[in-house]
Amino acid sequence: MMMLRHRIASTFAREETHDASGPSETVLPYATGEKLVEPDEETERRFQDMREVIPVLRESCVAAYKYWEENGMLGVNSFAELLEKRRSG
């Protein structure tokens, strides 16, 4: 019985110090449309980097190129434009 009490107490102690923000709090609002993804400097920079690299890798990374092409990611000038295009259409 004493061992069980110790395990329960340890579990509660871990839960009190554990950061509760998990996928349900960070991803779910975006998945349900409650929040919208907004571009920021970092996301835009990464998008621009990939937008330059993907066409160069067309032959060696066929799946990635095909994904970008089929999803209209090569035909936009910015991540913000891509988001707007997807939201409107």
C-alpha atoms as a PDB file:
ATOM      1  CA  MET A   1       0.000   0.000   0.000  1.00  0.00           C
ATOM      2  CA  MET A   2       2.827   2.397   0.824  1.00  0.00           C
ATOM      3  CA  MET A   3       4.404   1.756  -2.579  1.00  0.00           C
ATOM      4  CA  LEU A   4       1.134   2.550  -4.354  1.00  0.00           C
ATOM      5  CA  ARG A   5       0.840   5.854  -2.458  1.00  0.00           C
ATOM      6  CA  HIS A   6       4.388   6.736  -3.463  1.00  0.00           C
ATOM      7  CA  ARG A   7       3.671   5.995  -7.145  1.00  0.00           C
ATOM      8  CA  ILE A   8       0.502   8.101  -7.065  1.00  0.00           C
ATOM      9  CA  ALA A   9       2.311  10.971  -5.326  1.00  0.00           C
ATOM     10  CA  SER A  10       5.144  10.774  -7.875  1.00  0.00           C
ATOM     11  CA  THR A  11       2.690  10.854 -10.746  1.00  0.00           C
ATOM     12  CA  PHE A  12       0.942  13.955  -9.401  1.00  0.00           C
ATOM     13  CA  ALA A  13       4.278  15.642  -8.752  1.00  0.00           C
ATOM     14  CA  ARG A  14       5.317  15.058 -12.371  1.00  0.00           C
ATOM     15  CA  GLU A  15       1.989  16.352 -13.663  1.00  0.00           C
ATOM     16  CA  GLU A  16       2.319  19.550 -11.646  1.00  0.00           C
ATOM     17  CA  THR A  17       5.705  20.329 -13.198  1.00  0.00           C
ATOM     18  CA  HIS A  18       4.845  19.132 -16.691  1.00  0.00           C
ATOM     19  CA  ASP A  19       4.106  21.734 -19.343  1.00  0.00           C
ATOM     20  CA  ALA A  20       0.584  20.877 -20.450  1.00  0.00           C
ATOM     21  CA  SER A  21       0.799  22.518 -23.855  1.00  0.00           C
ATOM     22  CA  GLY A  22       0.701  19.628 -26.249  1.00  0.00           C
ATOM     23  CA  PRO A  23      -0.669  19.027 -29.716  1.00  0.00           C
ATOM     24  CA  SER A  24      -4.246  19.509 -28.562  1.00  0.00           C
ATOM     25  CA  GLU A  25      -3.437  23.043 -27.438  1.00  0.00           C
ATOM     26  CA  THR A  26      -1.008  24.030 -30.178  1.00  0.00           C
ATOM     27  CA  VAL A  27      -2.081  22.235 -33.354  1.00  0.00           C
ATOM     28  CA  LEU A  28      -5.781  21.575 -32.889  1.00  0.00           C
ATOM     29  CA  PRO A  29      -6.971  25.204 -33.170  1.00  0.00           C
ATOM     30  CA  TYR A  30      -5.261  25.427 -36.565  1.00  0.00           C
ATOM     31  CA  ALA A  31      -6.567  22.040 -37.711  1.00  0.00           C
ATOM     32  CA  THR A  32     -10.140  23.017 -36.851  1.00  0.00           C
ATOM     33  CA  GLY A  33      -9.898  26.474 -38.417  1.00  0.00           C
ATOM     34  CA  GLU A  34     -10.283  28.249 -35.083  1.00  0.00           C
ATOM     35  CA  LYS A  35      -6.931  29.939 -35.763  1.00  0.00           C
ATOM     36  CA  LEU A  36      -5.336  30.745 -39.103  1.00  0.00           C
ATOM     37  CA  VAL A  37      -1.674  30.369 -39.931  1.00  0.00           C
ATOM     38  CA  GLU A  38      -0.130  33.787 -40.417  1.00  0.00           C
ATOM     39  CA  PRO A  39       3.191  34.372 -42.177  1.00  0.00           C
ATOM     40  CA  ASP A  40       6.118  35.730 -40.212  1.00  0.00           C
ATOM     41  CA  GLU A  41       9.715  36.560 -41.133  1.00  0.00           C
ATOM     42  CA  GLU A  42      11.067  33.117 -40.308  1.00  0.00           C
ATOM     43  CA  THR A  43       8.363  31.230 -42.205  1.00  0.00           C
ATOM     44  CA  GLU A  44       8.719  33.522 -45.209  1.00  0.00           C
ATOM     45  CA  ARG A  45      12.502  33.098 -45.232  1.00  0.00           C
ATOM     46  CA  ARG A  46      12.206  29.308 -45.104  1.00  0.00           C
ATOM     47  CA  PHE A  47       9.583  29.324 -47.846  1.00  0.00           C
ATOM     48  CA  GLN A  48      11.812  31.473 -50.072  1.00  0.00           C
ATOM     49  CA  ASP A  49      14.795  29.198 -49.426  1.00  0.00           C
ATOM     50  CA  MET A  50      12.790  26.105 -50.348  1.00  0.00           C
ATOM     51  CA  ARG A  51      11.249  27.857 -53.342  1.00  0.00           C
ATOM     52  CA  GLU A  52      14.765  28.403 -54.718  1.00  0.00           C
ATOM     53  CA  VAL A  53      16.021  24.909 -53.913  1.00  0.00           C
ATOM     54  CA  ILE A  54      13.099  22.741 -55.031  1.00  0.00           C
ATOM     55  CA  PRO A  55      13.418  23.505 -58.780  1.00  0.00           C
ATOM     56  CA  VAL A  56      17.166  22.815 -58.629  1.00  0.00           C
ATOM     57  CA  LEU A  57      16.446  19.424 -57.066  1.00  0.00           C
ATOM     58  CA  ARG A  58      13.777  18.586 -59.648  1.00  0.00           C
ATOM     59  CA  GLU A  59      15.607  15.496 -60.921  1.00  0.00           C
ATOM     60  CA  SER A  60      16.980  14.198 -57.627  1.00  0.00           C
ATOM     61  CA  CYS A  61      14.000  14.953 -55.393  1.00  0.00           C
ATOM     62  CA  VAL A  62      11.099  14.185 -57.682  1.00  0.00           C
ATOM     63  CA  ALA A  63       8.497  13.701 -54.935  1.00  0.00           C
ATOM     64  CA  ALA A  64       9.227  17.056 -53.291  1.00  0.00           C
ATOM     65  CA  TYR A  65       9.175  18.873 -56.623  1.00  0.00           C
ATOM     66  CA  LYS A  66       5.917  17.161 -57.606  1.00  0.00           C
ATOM     67  CA  TYR A  67       4.348  18.116 -54.268  1.00  0.00           C
ATOM     68  CA  TRP A  68       5.325  21.765 -54.655  1.00  0.00           C
ATOM     69  CA  GLU A  69       4.157  21.809 -58.270  1.00  0.00           C
ATOM     70  CA  GLU A  70       0.809  20.082 -57.629  1.00  0.00           C
ATOM     71  CA  ASN A  71       0.047  22.330 -54.665  1.00  0.00           C
ATOM     72  CA  GLY A  72       0.748  25.588 -56.496  1.00  0.00           C
ATOM     73  CA  MET A  73       3.738  26.418 -54.350  1.00  0.00           C
ATOM     74  CA  LEU A  74       6.018  27.157 -57.306  1.00  0.00           C
ATOM     75  CA  GLY A  75       3.557  29.603 -58.839  1.00  0.00           C
ATOM     76  CA  VAL A  76       3.482  32.099 -55.967  1.00  0.00           C
ATOM     77  CA  ASN A  77       5.986  34.731 -54.925  1.00  0.00           C
ATOM     78  CA  SER A  78       5.633  34.461 -51.138  1.00  0.00           C
ATOM     79  CA  PHE A  79       4.303  32.329 -48.316  1.00  0.00           C
ATOM     80  CA  ALA A  80       1.709  35.028 -47.637  1.00  0.00           C
ATOM     81  CA  GLU A  81       0.519  34.767 -51.246  1.00  0.00           C
ATOM     82  CA  LEU A  82       0.289  30.985 -50.939  1.00  0.00           C
ATOM     83  CA  LEU A  83      -1.851  31.273 -47.798  1.00  0.00           C
ATOM     84  CA  GLU A  84      -4.126  33.821 -49.455  1.00  0.00           C
ATOM     85  CA  LYS A  85      -4.482  31.623 -52.539  1.00  0.00           C
ATOM     86  CA  ARG A  86      -5.407  28.603 -50.434  1.00  0.00           C
ATOM     87  CA  ARG A  87      -7.890  30.538 -48.311  1.00  0.00           C
ATOM     88  CA  SER A  88      -9.671  31.992 -51.314  1.00  0.00           C
ATOM     89  CA  GLY A  89      -9.832  28.912 -53.389  1.00  0.00           C
END
